[in-house]
Amino acid sequence: MSTGSFKPKNGALRWFDDRLPILSLVHGSLGAGYPAPRNLNYFWNFGSLAGLCLVIQIATGIVLAMHYTPTVAGAFNSVEHIMRDVNYGWLLRYIHANGASMFFIVVFIHIFRGLYYGSYKAPREVLWMLGVVILLLMMATAFMGYVLPWGQMSFWGATVITNLFSAIPLVGDQIVTFLWGGFSVDEPTLQRFFSLHYLLPFVIVGVVILHIWALHLPGSNNPLGIDVKGPQDQVPFHPYYTAKDALGVGVFLIFFGLFVFYMPNSLGHPDNYIPADPMVTPAHIVPEWYFLPFYAILRAVPDKLGGVLLMFAAVGLLFFLPWLDTSKIRSAIFRPAYKMFFWLLVVDCVVLGVVGAYPPEGAWILIGQLATAYYFAHFLLILPILGKVEKTKPLPQSIAQAVLGDKAGAKPAAQPAE
């Protein structure tokens, strides 16, 4: 993230920037000083949209925390107080609750874009792994936040998920006791989760900074998946991509607003509007929708420990994806067979999400097991083999050639470096 030779025109800003070059850093990272590939499409908007979601969640969360009471006796009532008595409290809560879903939608699309265009391949392996760390932190933050309203689904979701750690040999029971702060999900649990839910978003900010830093060192990937050959392949980030991002933000906020103002509870569970009751178990305990695929993987194995290991492995194997995919071609545009398997993976993840929403009985058990088997087969078997046997299409010589339509047509180029 080089600051370059940028100097503000205003004298006061120039004086400040000479002593603390924040403006130069921003210019070099997000402005005209940062050259980006000239062929980025709208799927590259989702990185900036994820940053916007993070800012929205932190801003609304700070205000909500001012009115929230992290006690068993007061948590549910304080949420109702926010909704009914705090000025625009209903709006803040709906933005925050639906913002978590929007954050996951944006990040899931961002991840699948990376899978499609090979953004995890060299030299961007660390960039990809930092992205997986962000996903894990998001999942932990969202789970703890879901417990805070202290409704029926919050309480029983916390009970079921934290109990999973008891399956770990030797130390499982100690981990559960530590998470609970006692011998059951109670007030110490709520206070711990509130503290961590407030803290972890700022940890995410730190990892996001590293993520952006790791992006700017090799530069952005592009839909063709080929390396930048020179200035003719690039355009300044501003104004070209800032304008493109602004359009994406506008469309996203319209989509976000539809849920906040017209369907604020459509992504939640109605049982969470019932105060938590340890003596009454809900008919069917389910997590939030963005955890459903992992919940289906957890239930695919009858053994408790096996299910827990599979659930964590579903995310953990993403760390090794740059080495599991043995193809030297990045983009699925030039990999016809991989493109087919990519869309099968997308369908498989949707199926897992549907399975996770239903009780583990009847045909859902078999469907969940088959979908889980394919998920792991995609990464552990299909990708390593496909990279060695797949017949790929020829790459264009450069981004400029592909964008400007060189009459000579696409010719094979040197393979990207491993």
Protein backbone atom coordinates (compact mmCIF):
# COMPACT_ATOMS: atom_id res chain seq x y z
CA MET A 1 0.00 0.00 0.00
CA SER A 2 2.42 2.59 -1.21
CA THR A 3 1.73 6.27 -0.53
CA GLY A 4 3.31 7.23 -3.84
CA SER A 5 4.11 10.88 -4.66
CA PHE A 6 0.65 12.27 -3.84
CA LYS A 7 0.57 15.73 -2.25
CA PRO A 8 -2.67 17.49 -1.19
CA LYS A 9 -3.25 20.84 -2.86
CA ASN A 10 -4.52 22.47 0.33
CA GLY A 11 -1.66 23.85 2.42
CA ALA A 12 -3.07 22.72 5.77
CA LEU A 13 -3.77 19.23 4.48
CA ARG A 14 -0.30 19.08 2.93
CA TRP A 15 1.25 20.09 6.28
CA PHE A 16 -0.74 17.38 8.07
CA ASP A 17 0.02 14.73 5.43
CA ASP A 18 3.76 15.43 5.64
CA ARG A 19 3.63 14.53 9.32
CA LEU A 20 1.05 11.72 9.17
CA PRO A 21 0.58 10.53 5.56
CA ILE A 22 -2.96 9.17 5.95
CA LEU A 23 -4.23 11.03 2.87
CA SER A 24 -1.35 9.72 0.77
CA LEU A 25 -2.04 6.20 2.02
CA VAL A 26 -5.73 6.44 1.10
CA HIS A 27 -4.84 7.91 -2.30
CA GLY A 28 -2.38 5.12 -2.99
CA SER A 29 -4.74 2.40 -1.77
CA LEU A 30 -8.16 3.50 -2.98
CA GLY A 31 -7.64 6.51 -5.23
CA ALA A 32 -6.06 7.43 -8.53
CA GLY A 33 -2.72 6.26 -7.18
CA TYR A 34 -3.86 2.63 -7.12
CA PRO A 35 -3.92 1.00 -10.57
CA ALA A 36 -6.53 -1.74 -10.95
CA PRO A 37 -7.10 -4.20 -13.82
CA ARG A 38 -9.28 -2.57 -16.44
CA ASN A 39 -11.68 -5.51 -16.79
CA LEU A 40 -13.08 -5.91 -13.26
CA ASN A 41 -16.81 -6.69 -13.28
CA TYR A 42 -19.52 -6.01 -10.72
CA PHE A 43 -18.64 -9.11 -8.70
CA TRP A 44 -15.61 -7.14 -7.51
CA ASN A 45 -18.02 -4.71 -5.78
CA PHE A 46 -18.69 -7.19 -3.01
CA GLY A 47 -15.39 -6.56 -1.25
CA SER A 48 -16.24 -2.90 -0.67
CA LEU A 49 -19.84 -3.86 0.19
CA ALA A 50 -18.52 -6.19 2.88
CA GLY A 51 -16.56 -3.26 4.33
CA LEU A 52 -19.73 -1.14 4.29
CA CYS A 53 -21.64 -3.89 6.11
CA LEU A 54 -18.93 -4.06 8.77
CA VAL A 55 -19.12 -0.30 9.37
CA ILE A 56 -22.93 -0.44 9.60
CA GLN A 57 -22.80 -3.31 12.11
CA ILE A 58 -20.24 -1.58 14.31
CA ALA A 59 -22.04 1.78 14.25
CA THR A 60 -25.48 0.36 15.05
CA GLY A 61 -24.03 -2.11 17.56
CA ILE A 62 -22.33 0.62 19.59
CA VAL A 63 -25.63 2.51 19.97
CA LEU A 64 -27.59 -0.66 20.79
CA ALA A 65 -25.05 -1.58 23.46
CA MET A 66 -25.83 1.71 25.23
CA HIS A 67 -29.38 0.48 25.91
CA TYR A 68 -28.84 -3.27 26.29
CA THR A 69 -28.77 -5.02 29.68
CA PRO A 70 -26.66 -8.23 29.65
CA THR A 71 -28.53 -10.00 32.45
CA VAL A 72 -30.95 -12.92 32.39
CA ALA A 73 -33.62 -10.77 34.04
CA GLY A 74 -33.09 -7.73 31.83
CA ALA A 75 -31.85 -8.86 28.39
CA PHE A 76 -35.20 -9.65 26.75
CA ASN A 77 -36.90 -6.60 28.29
CA SER A 78 -34.05 -4.29 27.28
CA VAL A 79 -34.46 -5.41 23.65
CA GLU A 80 -38.18 -4.62 23.91
CA HIS A 81 -37.26 -1.28 25.47
CA ILE A 82 -35.02 -0.53 22.49
CA MET A 83 -37.82 -1.42 20.10
CA ARG A 84 -40.54 0.58 21.86
CA ASP A 85 -39.00 3.44 23.88
CA VAL A 86 -35.64 4.43 22.35
CA ASN A 87 -35.87 7.02 19.60
CA TYR A 88 -35.55 5.09 16.32
CA GLY A 89 -34.51 2.07 18.36
CA TRP A 90 -36.67 -0.16 16.18
CA LEU A 91 -34.76 1.07 13.13
CA LEU A 92 -31.36 0.53 14.73
CA ARG A 93 -32.26 -2.98 15.82
CA TYR A 94 -33.75 -3.96 12.46
CA ILE A 95 -30.69 -2.57 10.65
CA HIS A 96 -28.37 -4.47 12.99
CA ALA A 97 -30.30 -7.75 12.91
CA ASN A 98 -30.82 -7.75 9.15
CA GLY A 99 -27.36 -6.29 8.62
CA ALA A 100 -25.85 -9.53 9.89
CA SER A 101 -27.71 -11.42 7.15
CA MET A 102 -26.68 -8.83 4.54
CA PHE A 103 -23.06 -9.15 5.70
CA PHE A 104 -23.13 -12.92 5.20
CA ILE A 105 -24.88 -12.64 1.81
CA VAL A 106 -22.20 -10.23 0.59
CA VAL A 107 -19.33 -12.29 2.01
CA PHE A 108 -20.68 -15.58 0.60
CA ILE A 109 -20.92 -14.02 -2.87
CA HIS A 110 -17.42 -12.58 -2.38
CA ILE A 111 -16.09 -16.05 -1.50
CA PHE A 112 -17.79 -17.79 -4.42
CA ARG A 113 -16.48 -15.09 -6.75
CA GLY A 114 -13.00 -15.93 -5.49
CA LEU A 115 -13.66 -19.62 -6.11
CA TYR A 116 -14.92 -18.98 -9.65
CA TYR A 117 -12.09 -16.70 -10.73
CA GLY A 118 -9.30 -18.45 -8.83
CA SER A 119 -8.47 -15.53 -6.55
CA TYR A 120 -7.01 -17.96 -4.01
CA LYS A 121 -4.15 -19.02 -6.29
CA ALA A 122 -0.55 -17.75 -6.15
CA PRO A 123 0.49 -15.12 -5.29
CA ARG A 124 -2.69 -14.43 -3.27
CA GLU A 125 -2.70 -17.41 -0.88
CA VAL A 126 -2.28 -15.30 2.27
CA LEU A 127 -4.98 -12.92 1.06
CA TRP A 128 -7.35 -15.90 0.75
CA MET A 129 -6.42 -17.35 4.15
CA LEU A 130 -7.00 -14.00 5.84
CA GLY A 131 -10.43 -13.98 4.19
CA VAL A 132 -11.19 -17.37 5.75
CA VAL A 133 -10.10 -15.99 9.14
CA ILE A 134 -12.56 -13.11 8.66
CA LEU A 135 -15.32 -15.64 7.89
CA LEU A 136 -14.59 -17.58 11.09
CA LEU A 137 -14.60 -14.38 13.15
CA MET A 138 -17.89 -13.36 11.54
CA MET A 139 -19.44 -16.71 12.43
CA ALA A 140 -18.30 -16.44 16.06
CA THR A 141 -19.54 -12.84 16.32
CA ALA A 142 -22.91 -13.64 14.73
CA PHE A 143 -23.48 -16.67 16.94
CA MET A 144 -22.79 -14.69 20.11
CA GLY A 145 -24.98 -11.83 18.90
CA TYR A 146 -27.87 -14.21 18.23
CA VAL A 147 -27.80 -15.26 21.88
CA LEU A 148 -28.11 -11.70 23.25
CA PRO A 149 -31.91 -11.15 22.77
CA TRP A 150 -32.35 -14.07 25.20
CA GLY A 151 -35.38 -15.46 23.40
CA GLN A 152 -36.29 -19.13 23.18
CA MET A 153 -34.21 -19.82 20.07
CA SER A 154 -31.32 -17.75 21.42
CA PHE A 155 -31.17 -19.73 24.65
CA TRP A 156 -31.58 -23.18 23.15
CA GLY A 157 -29.30 -22.40 20.21
CA ALA A 158 -26.57 -21.43 22.69
CA THR A 159 -27.23 -24.58 24.70
CA VAL A 160 -27.01 -26.93 21.70
CA ILE A 161 -24.00 -25.32 20.00
CA THR A 162 -21.87 -24.90 23.12
CA ASN A 163 -22.67 -28.48 24.14
CA LEU A 164 -20.98 -29.66 20.93
CA PHE A 165 -17.59 -28.88 22.43
CA SER A 166 -18.19 -31.57 25.05
CA ALA A 167 -17.49 -34.13 22.31
CA ILE A 168 -13.81 -33.12 22.26
CA PRO A 169 -11.84 -35.82 24.09
CA LEU A 170 -10.22 -35.00 27.46
CA VAL A 171 -10.85 -31.22 27.47
CA GLY A 172 -14.38 -31.00 26.04
CA ASP A 173 -16.23 -30.66 29.35
CA GLN A 174 -13.78 -28.02 30.59
CA ILE A 175 -14.28 -25.98 27.41
CA VAL A 176 -18.05 -26.09 27.82
CA THR A 177 -17.80 -25.04 31.48
CA PHE A 178 -15.52 -22.17 30.48
CA LEU A 179 -17.95 -21.01 27.76
CA TRP A 180 -20.91 -21.21 30.12
CA GLY A 181 -19.12 -19.67 33.09
CA GLY A 182 -20.83 -22.33 35.18
CA PHE A 183 -22.77 -25.55 34.77
CA SER A 184 -25.49 -24.35 32.40
CA VAL A 185 -26.26 -21.53 29.98
CA ASP A 186 -27.02 -18.70 32.39
CA GLU A 187 -26.10 -15.11 33.23
CA PRO A 188 -22.30 -15.61 33.11
CA THR A 189 -22.74 -17.05 29.59
CA LEU A 190 -24.76 -14.06 28.49
CA GLN A 191 -22.22 -11.60 29.87
CA ARG A 192 -19.31 -13.41 28.23
CA PHE A 193 -21.08 -13.53 24.89
CA PHE A 194 -22.01 -9.85 25.11
CA SER A 195 -18.41 -8.88 25.88
CA LEU A 196 -17.02 -10.96 23.00
CA HIS A 197 -19.77 -9.86 20.59
CA TYR A 198 -18.78 -6.26 21.24
CA LEU A 199 -15.03 -6.94 20.95
CA LEU A 200 -14.76 -9.26 17.94
CA PRO A 201 -15.95 -6.74 15.28
CA PHE A 202 -12.89 -4.61 16.10
CA VAL A 203 -10.71 -7.71 15.72
CA ILE A 204 -12.36 -8.20 12.32
CA VAL A 205 -11.40 -4.61 11.42
CA GLY A 206 -7.77 -5.45 12.19
CA VAL A 207 -7.84 -8.57 10.02
CA VAL A 208 -9.60 -6.63 7.24
CA ILE A 209 -6.70 -4.15 7.24
CA LEU A 210 -4.29 -7.06 6.82
CA HIS A 211 -6.59 -8.48 4.12
CA ILE A 212 -6.46 -5.21 2.15
CA TRP A 213 -2.70 -4.99 2.65
CA ALA A 214 -2.28 -8.54 1.34
CA LEU A 215 -4.46 -7.56 -1.65
CA HIS A 216 -2.46 -4.49 -2.60
CA LEU A 217 0.93 -6.20 -2.59
CA PRO A 218 0.23 -8.48 -5.62
CA GLY A 219 -2.70 -6.37 -6.88
CA SER A 220 -6.23 -7.43 -7.67
CA ASN A 221 -7.05 -10.58 -9.58
CA ASN A 222 -9.33 -10.12 -12.60
CA PRO A 223 -12.02 -12.13 -14.46
CA LEU A 224 -9.49 -13.48 -16.95
CA GLY A 225 -7.18 -14.64 -14.18
CA ILE A 226 -4.05 -13.50 -16.05
CA ASP A 227 -1.30 -11.24 -14.76
CA VAL A 228 -1.19 -7.55 -15.61
CA LYS A 229 1.30 -7.04 -18.46
CA GLY A 230 1.69 -3.27 -18.28
CA PRO A 231 -0.04 0.12 -17.91
CA GLN A 232 -2.33 -0.68 -20.87
CA ASP A 233 -3.98 -3.37 -18.72
CA GLN A 234 -4.82 -1.00 -15.86
CA VAL A 235 -6.95 2.03 -15.00
CA PRO A 236 -6.88 4.21 -11.86
CA PHE A 237 -9.16 2.94 -9.12
CA HIS A 238 -10.66 6.42 -8.89
CA PRO A 239 -12.85 7.49 -10.62
CA TYR A 240 -13.53 4.27 -12.57
CA TYR A 241 -14.13 1.81 -9.76
CA THR A 242 -15.29 4.29 -7.15
CA ALA A 243 -18.16 5.13 -9.52
CA LYS A 244 -18.81 1.45 -10.07
CA ASP A 245 -18.76 0.79 -6.33
CA ALA A 246 -21.14 3.71 -5.75
CA LEU A 247 -23.70 2.13 -8.08
CA GLY A 248 -23.27 -1.19 -6.27
CA VAL A 249 -23.79 0.52 -2.91
CA GLY A 250 -27.00 2.14 -4.16
CA VAL A 251 -28.45 -1.18 -5.38
CA PHE A 252 -27.35 -2.93 -2.19
CA LEU A 253 -28.97 -0.31 0.07
CA ILE A 254 -32.26 -0.67 -1.82
CA PHE A 255 -32.11 -4.45 -1.28
CA PHE A 256 -31.15 -3.94 2.36
CA GLY A 257 -33.96 -1.42 2.85
CA LEU A 258 -36.58 -3.87 1.55
CA PHE A 259 -35.80 -6.17 4.46
CA VAL A 260 -35.42 -3.44 7.09
CA PHE A 261 -38.68 -1.64 6.28
CA TYR A 262 -40.92 -4.32 4.73
CA MET A 263 -39.66 -7.74 5.92
CA PRO A 264 -37.68 -7.07 9.11
CA ASN A 265 -38.39 -10.45 10.72
CA SER A 266 -38.38 -12.66 7.63
CA LEU A 267 -34.80 -13.85 8.18
CA GLY A 268 -35.24 -14.52 11.90
CA HIS A 269 -37.20 -17.08 13.92
CA PRO A 270 -40.54 -16.26 15.60
CA ASP A 271 -39.59 -18.24 18.73
CA ASN A 272 -37.05 -15.55 19.54
CA TYR A 273 -39.93 -13.22 20.43
CA ILE A 274 -40.71 -15.57 23.33
CA PRO A 275 -38.61 -15.01 26.50
CA ALA A 276 -36.06 -17.77 27.14
CA ASP A 277 -37.46 -20.62 29.23
CA PRO A 278 -35.02 -23.38 30.28
CA MET A 279 -38.00 -25.63 31.09
CA VAL A 280 -39.56 -25.54 27.59
CA THR A 281 -37.66 -26.92 24.61
CA PRO A 282 -38.68 -25.64 21.14
CA ALA A 283 -40.07 -28.25 18.76
CA HIS A 284 -37.18 -27.76 16.35
CA ILE A 285 -33.98 -25.92 17.25
CA VAL A 286 -32.37 -24.23 14.24
CA PRO A 287 -29.60 -21.62 13.94
CA GLU A 288 -29.73 -18.53 11.75
CA TRP A 289 -29.97 -19.23 8.00
CA TYR A 290 -26.29 -18.53 7.32
CA PHE A 291 -25.30 -21.40 9.64
CA LEU A 292 -27.71 -23.93 8.13
CA PRO A 293 -25.24 -25.57 5.66
CA PHE A 294 -22.76 -26.16 8.50
CA TYR A 295 -25.58 -27.38 10.75
CA ALA A 296 -26.55 -29.92 8.07
CA ILE A 297 -22.93 -31.13 7.88
CA LEU A 298 -22.85 -31.44 11.67
CA ARG A 299 -25.93 -33.70 11.63
CA ALA A 300 -24.78 -35.79 8.65
CA VAL A 301 -22.77 -38.07 10.94
CA PRO A 302 -24.53 -39.97 13.77
CA ASP A 303 -21.41 -39.69 15.95
CA LYS A 304 -21.26 -36.40 17.90
CA LEU A 305 -17.48 -35.99 17.70
CA GLY A 306 -17.46 -36.92 14.02
CA GLY A 307 -20.12 -34.31 13.27
CA VAL A 308 -18.22 -31.60 15.14
CA LEU A 309 -14.98 -32.44 13.32
CA LEU A 310 -16.74 -32.39 9.94
CA MET A 311 -18.38 -29.05 10.69
CA PHE A 312 -15.07 -27.40 11.55
CA ALA A 313 -13.35 -29.16 8.65
CA ALA A 314 -15.92 -27.69 6.24
CA VAL A 315 -14.39 -24.26 6.88
CA GLY A 316 -10.89 -25.40 7.78
CA LEU A 317 -10.18 -27.06 4.44
CA LEU A 318 -10.66 -23.68 2.75
CA PHE A 319 -7.28 -22.69 4.22
CA PHE A 320 -5.67 -25.37 2.04
CA LEU A 321 -7.60 -24.60 -1.14
CA PRO A 322 -4.66 -22.87 -2.90
CA TRP A 323 -2.80 -26.20 -2.77
CA LEU A 324 -5.77 -28.53 -3.26
CA ASP A 325 -6.52 -26.97 -6.66
CA THR A 326 -3.65 -28.17 -8.82
CA SER A 327 -4.60 -26.28 -11.99
CA LYS A 328 -2.27 -23.51 -13.18
CA ILE A 329 -5.21 -21.66 -14.77
CA ARG A 330 -7.01 -19.32 -12.39
CA SER A 331 -10.30 -18.34 -14.00
CA ALA A 332 -13.20 -20.73 -14.63
CA ILE A 333 -13.76 -18.89 -17.92
CA PHE A 334 -10.97 -21.03 -19.39
CA ARG A 335 -11.82 -24.19 -17.42
CA PRO A 336 -15.05 -25.70 -18.81
CA ALA A 337 -15.05 -28.78 -16.57
CA TYR A 338 -14.24 -26.79 -13.44
CA LYS A 339 -17.06 -24.36 -14.25
CA MET A 340 -19.53 -27.24 -14.23
CA PHE A 341 -18.25 -28.55 -10.89
CA PHE A 342 -18.29 -25.01 -9.46
CA TRP A 343 -22.02 -24.68 -10.12
CA LEU A 344 -22.59 -28.14 -8.69
CA LEU A 345 -20.86 -26.91 -5.52
CA VAL A 346 -23.15 -23.86 -5.40
CA VAL A 347 -26.23 -26.10 -5.74
CA ASP A 348 -24.80 -28.46 -3.13
CA CYS A 349 -24.36 -25.62 -0.61
CA VAL A 350 -27.96 -24.49 -1.21
CA VAL A 351 -29.16 -28.07 -0.67
CA LEU A 352 -27.19 -28.23 2.59
CA GLY A 353 -28.86 -25.01 3.70
CA VAL A 354 -32.32 -26.43 2.97
CA VAL A 355 -31.50 -29.70 4.76
CA GLY A 356 -30.26 -27.79 7.81
CA ALA A 357 -33.62 -26.06 8.15
CA TYR A 358 -35.54 -29.35 8.53
CA PRO A 359 -35.50 -31.92 11.33
CA PRO A 360 -33.03 -34.79 10.74
CA GLU A 361 -35.58 -37.41 9.83
CA GLY A 362 -36.81 -39.31 6.81
CA ALA A 363 -35.26 -38.49 3.44
CA TRP A 364 -33.54 -35.38 4.81
CA ILE A 365 -30.95 -37.57 6.54
CA LEU A 366 -29.84 -39.24 3.31
CA ILE A 367 -29.94 -35.99 1.32
CA GLY A 368 -27.79 -34.30 3.97
CA GLN A 369 -25.26 -37.14 3.95
CA LEU A 370 -24.98 -37.13 0.15
CA ALA A 371 -24.64 -33.34 0.02
CA THR A 372 -21.98 -33.45 2.74
CA ALA A 373 -20.08 -36.18 0.89
CA TYR A 374 -20.09 -34.13 -2.31
CA TYR A 375 -18.93 -30.97 -0.49
CA PHE A 376 -15.78 -32.67 0.78
CA ALA A 377 -15.28 -34.65 -2.45
CA HIS A 378 -15.27 -31.38 -4.41
CA PHE A 379 -12.27 -30.03 -2.50
CA LEU A 380 -10.40 -33.22 -1.61
CA LEU A 381 -10.89 -35.31 -4.77
CA ILE A 382 -12.33 -33.38 -7.71
CA LEU A 383 -10.09 -30.28 -7.57
CA PRO A 384 -6.74 -32.13 -7.22
CA ILE A 385 -7.60 -34.56 -10.03
CA LEU A 386 -9.30 -32.04 -12.30
CA GLY A 387 -6.29 -29.73 -12.27
CA LYS A 388 -4.15 -32.48 -13.80
CA VAL A 389 -6.55 -33.92 -16.40
CA GLU A 390 -8.72 -30.96 -17.46
CA LYS A 391 -8.35 -29.59 -20.98
CA THR A 392 -8.39 -25.81 -20.68
CA LYS A 393 -9.04 -23.06 -23.22
CA PRO A 394 -6.21 -20.81 -24.46
CA LEU A 395 -5.55 -17.64 -22.48
CA PRO A 396 -5.45 -14.18 -24.11
CA GLN A 397 -2.08 -12.49 -24.36
CA SER A 398 -3.15 -9.61 -22.14
CA ILE A 399 -6.12 -7.95 -20.49
CA ALA A 400 -6.01 -5.11 -23.01
CA GLN A 401 -6.19 -7.55 -25.89
CA ALA A 402 -9.27 -9.22 -24.47
CA VAL A 403 -11.00 -5.94 -23.56
CA LEU A 404 -10.20 -4.05 -26.75
CA GLY A 405 -10.86 -7.01 -29.05
CA ASP A 406 -7.52 -7.50 -30.78
CA LYS A 407 -8.19 -8.78 -34.30
CA ALA A 408 -5.45 -11.33 -33.89
CA GLY A 409 -7.66 -13.20 -31.41
CA ALA A 410 -6.70 -15.01 -28.27
CA LYS A 411 -3.43 -16.88 -28.31
CA PRO A 412 -1.95 -19.14 -25.69
CA ALA A 413 0.05 -17.25 -23.11
CA ALA A 414 2.56 -18.30 -20.51
CA GLN A 415 0.98 -20.12 -17.60
CA PRO A 416 0.57 -18.11 -14.37
CA ALA A 417 3.34 -18.67 -11.89
CA GLU A 418 2.60 -21.17 -9.16
